[in-house]
């Protein structure tokens, strides 16, 4: 992954061939999807790490209905 990012460091859109432009577009899309997936996993882990009940199974927070 680091090698791929380093190779994109010298990308020049004005001098790129159509193949290079397409490769850059696809790479950008894949990296964007991967970052979104990692962020979603992080949010899921945070929610799962937060206890919602005490040792006796009682909810720790009051729901919106009282």
N, C-alpha and C. Protein backbone atom coordinates (compact mmCIF):
# COMPACT_ATOMS: atom_id res chain seq x y z
N UNK A 1 0.83 -1.19 0.00
CA UNK A 1 0.00 0.00 0.00
C UNK A 1 0.88 1.25 0.00
N UNK A 2 1.93 1.25 0.79
CA UNK A 2 2.80 2.42 0.86
C UNK A 2 3.47 2.68 -0.49
N UNK A 3 3.84 1.64 -1.18
CA UNK A 3 4.47 1.79 -2.49
C UNK A 3 3.50 2.41 -3.49
N UNK A 4 2.25 2.00 -3.43
CA UNK A 4 1.23 2.56 -4.32
C UNK A 4 1.05 4.05 -4.06
N UNK A 5 0.95 4.42 -2.80
CA UNK A 5 0.76 5.83 -2.46
C UNK A 5 1.98 6.65 -2.88
N UNK A 6 3.17 6.11 -2.71
CA UNK A 6 4.38 6.80 -3.12
C UNK A 6 4.41 6.99 -4.63
N UNK A 7 3.96 5.99 -5.38
CA UNK A 7 3.97 6.11 -6.84
C UNK A 7 2.97 7.16 -7.31
N UNK A 8 1.91 7.38 -6.55
CA UNK A 8 0.93 8.40 -6.93
C UNK A 8 1.41 9.80 -6.57
N UNK A 9 2.47 9.88 -5.80
CA UNK A 9 3.00 11.16 -5.35
C UNK A 9 3.44 12.03 -6.53
N UNK A 10 3.94 11.42 -7.59
CA UNK A 10 4.47 12.16 -8.73
C UNK A 10 3.49 12.16 -9.90
N UNK A 11 2.23 11.90 -9.64
CA UNK A 11 1.22 11.87 -10.69
C UNK A 11 0.94 13.29 -11.18
N UNK A 12 1.01 13.48 -12.49
CA UNK A 12 0.72 14.78 -13.10
C UNK A 12 -0.45 14.61 -14.05
N UNK A 13 -1.58 15.14 -13.68
CA UNK A 13 -2.81 14.97 -14.45
C UNK A 13 -2.67 15.54 -15.87
N UNK A 14 -1.91 16.62 -16.02
CA UNK A 14 -1.78 17.27 -17.33
C UNK A 14 -0.95 16.45 -18.31
N UNK A 15 -0.01 15.66 -17.82
CA UNK A 15 0.84 14.87 -18.71
C UNK A 15 0.49 13.39 -18.72
N UNK A 16 -0.52 12.99 -18.00
CA UNK A 16 -0.86 11.56 -17.89
C UNK A 16 -1.56 11.05 -19.14
N UNK A 17 -1.28 9.80 -19.47
CA UNK A 17 -1.97 9.14 -20.58
C UNK A 17 -3.37 8.75 -20.11
N UNK A 18 -4.27 8.44 -21.04
CA UNK A 18 -5.61 8.00 -20.63
C UNK A 18 -5.57 6.77 -19.71
N UNK A 19 -4.63 5.86 -19.95
CA UNK A 19 -4.51 4.68 -19.10
C UNK A 19 -4.10 5.07 -17.68
N UNK A 20 -3.16 6.01 -17.58
CA UNK A 20 -2.73 6.47 -16.26
C UNK A 20 -3.86 7.21 -15.54
N UNK A 21 -4.63 7.99 -16.27
CA UNK A 21 -5.77 8.69 -15.67
C UNK A 21 -6.79 7.70 -15.13
N UNK A 22 -7.07 6.65 -15.91
CA UNK A 22 -8.03 5.64 -15.46
C UNK A 22 -7.49 4.88 -14.25
N UNK A 23 -6.21 4.55 -14.27
CA UNK A 23 -5.60 3.85 -13.13
C UNK A 23 -5.67 4.73 -11.89
N UNK A 24 -5.43 6.01 -12.04
CA UNK A 24 -5.50 6.93 -10.90
C UNK A 24 -6.93 7.00 -10.37
N UNK A 25 -7.91 7.09 -11.27
CA UNK A 25 -9.31 7.18 -10.86
C UNK A 25 -9.74 5.94 -10.09
N UNK A 26 -9.37 4.77 -10.62
CA UNK A 26 -9.74 3.51 -9.97
C UNK A 26 -9.05 3.39 -8.61
N UNK A 27 -7.78 3.76 -8.55
CA UNK A 27 -7.04 3.70 -7.29
C UNK A 27 -7.66 4.63 -6.26
N UNK A 28 -8.02 5.82 -6.70
CA UNK A 28 -8.64 6.79 -5.80
C UNK A 28 -9.95 6.22 -5.25
N UNK A 29 -10.74 5.62 -6.12
CA UNK A 29 -12.02 5.04 -5.70
C UNK A 29 -11.82 3.91 -4.69
N UNK A 30 -10.86 3.04 -4.96
CA UNK A 30 -10.59 1.91 -4.06
C UNK A 30 -10.10 2.40 -2.70
N UNK A 31 -9.20 3.37 -2.70
CA UNK A 31 -8.71 3.91 -1.43
C UNK A 31 -9.83 4.59 -0.65
N UNK A 32 -10.70 5.29 -1.35
CA UNK A 32 -11.84 5.94 -0.71
C UNK A 32 -12.77 4.90 -0.07
N UNK A 33 -13.06 3.83 -0.80
CA UNK A 33 -13.91 2.77 -0.25
C UNK A 33 -13.26 2.11 0.96
N UNK A 34 -11.95 1.89 0.89
CA UNK A 34 -11.24 1.25 2.01
C UNK A 34 -11.27 2.14 3.25
N UNK A 35 -11.06 3.43 3.07
CA UNK A 35 -11.11 4.35 4.21
C UNK A 35 -12.50 4.37 4.82
N UNK A 36 -13.54 4.39 3.99
CA UNK A 36 -14.90 4.36 4.51
C UNK A 36 -15.16 3.09 5.31
N UNK A 37 -14.69 1.95 4.80
CA UNK A 37 -14.88 0.68 5.49
C UNK A 37 -14.16 0.68 6.84
N UNK A 38 -12.94 1.20 6.86
CA UNK A 38 -12.19 1.27 8.12
C UNK A 38 -12.87 2.18 9.13
N UNK A 39 -13.40 3.30 8.66
CA UNK A 39 -14.11 4.21 9.56
C UNK A 39 -15.37 3.56 10.11
N UNK A 40 -16.09 2.82 9.26
CA UNK A 40 -17.30 2.14 9.72
C UNK A 40 -16.95 1.07 10.75
N UNK A 41 -15.88 0.32 10.51
CA UNK A 41 -15.46 -0.70 11.47
C UNK A 41 -15.08 -0.06 12.79
N UNK A 42 -14.41 1.08 12.74
CA UNK A 42 -14.02 1.78 13.95
C UNK A 42 -15.26 2.22 14.73
N UNK A 43 -16.26 2.76 14.05
CA UNK A 43 -17.49 3.19 14.72
C UNK A 43 -18.21 1.99 15.34
N UNK A 44 -18.24 0.87 14.63
CA UNK A 44 -18.89 -0.34 15.14
C UNK A 44 -18.18 -0.83 16.40
N UNK A 45 -16.85 -0.83 16.37
CA UNK A 45 -16.09 -1.27 17.54
C UNK A 45 -16.32 -0.35 18.73
N UNK A 46 -16.44 0.95 18.49
CA UNK A 46 -16.71 1.89 19.58
C UNK A 46 -18.07 1.60 20.21
N UNK A 47 -19.08 1.37 19.35
CA UNK A 47 -20.42 1.09 19.87
C UNK A 47 -20.45 -0.22 20.64
N UNK A 48 -19.75 -1.23 20.15
CA UNK A 48 -19.76 -2.53 20.81
C UNK A 48 -18.96 -2.49 22.11
N UNK A 49 -17.99 -1.60 22.21
CA UNK A 49 -17.17 -1.51 23.41
C UNK A 49 -17.87 -0.75 24.53
N UNK A 50 -18.94 -0.04 24.19
CA UNK A 50 -19.66 0.74 25.20
C UNK A 50 -20.73 -0.13 25.83
N UNK A 51 -20.65 -0.37 27.13
CA UNK A 51 -21.67 -1.20 27.78
C UNK A 51 -23.02 -0.50 27.78
N UNK A 52 -24.08 -1.27 27.58
CA UNK A 52 -25.43 -0.70 27.60
C UNK A 52 -26.24 -1.22 28.77
N UNK A 53 -25.72 -2.24 29.45
CA UNK A 53 -26.41 -2.77 30.63
C UNK A 53 -25.40 -2.95 31.76
N UNK A 54 -25.92 -3.00 32.98
CA UNK A 54 -25.04 -3.26 34.11
C UNK A 54 -24.90 -4.76 34.31
N UNK A 55 -24.28 -5.17 35.39
CA UNK A 55 -24.03 -6.59 35.64
C UNK A 55 -25.32 -7.39 35.79
N UNK A 56 -26.42 -6.71 36.09
CA UNK A 56 -27.70 -7.39 36.29
C UNK A 56 -28.63 -7.29 35.08
N UNK A 57 -28.12 -6.72 33.98
CA UNK A 57 -28.91 -6.63 32.77
C UNK A 57 -29.80 -5.41 32.68
N UNK A 58 -29.68 -4.49 33.62
CA UNK A 58 -30.49 -3.27 33.60
C UNK A 58 -29.84 -2.26 32.66
N UNK A 59 -30.65 -1.53 31.89
CA UNK A 59 -30.07 -0.53 30.98
C UNK A 59 -29.36 0.58 31.74
N UNK A 60 -28.23 1.00 31.22
CA UNK A 60 -27.47 2.07 31.85
C UNK A 60 -28.05 3.44 31.53
N UNK A 61 -28.71 3.57 30.38
CA UNK A 61 -29.26 4.85 29.97
C UNK A 61 -30.77 4.76 29.93
N UNK A 62 -31.40 5.87 30.20
CA UNK A 62 -32.85 5.94 30.07
C UNK A 62 -33.19 6.10 28.60
N UNK A 63 -34.22 5.41 28.14
CA UNK A 63 -34.63 5.59 26.76
C UNK A 63 -35.45 6.87 26.64
N UNK A 64 -35.79 7.26 25.44
CA UNK A 64 -36.47 8.53 25.22
C UNK A 64 -37.93 8.48 25.68
N UNK A 65 -38.45 7.32 26.06
CA UNK A 65 -39.85 7.22 26.48
C UNK A 65 -39.99 7.28 28.00
N UNK A 66 -38.91 7.48 28.70
CA UNK A 66 -38.99 7.63 30.15
C UNK A 66 -38.62 6.38 30.83
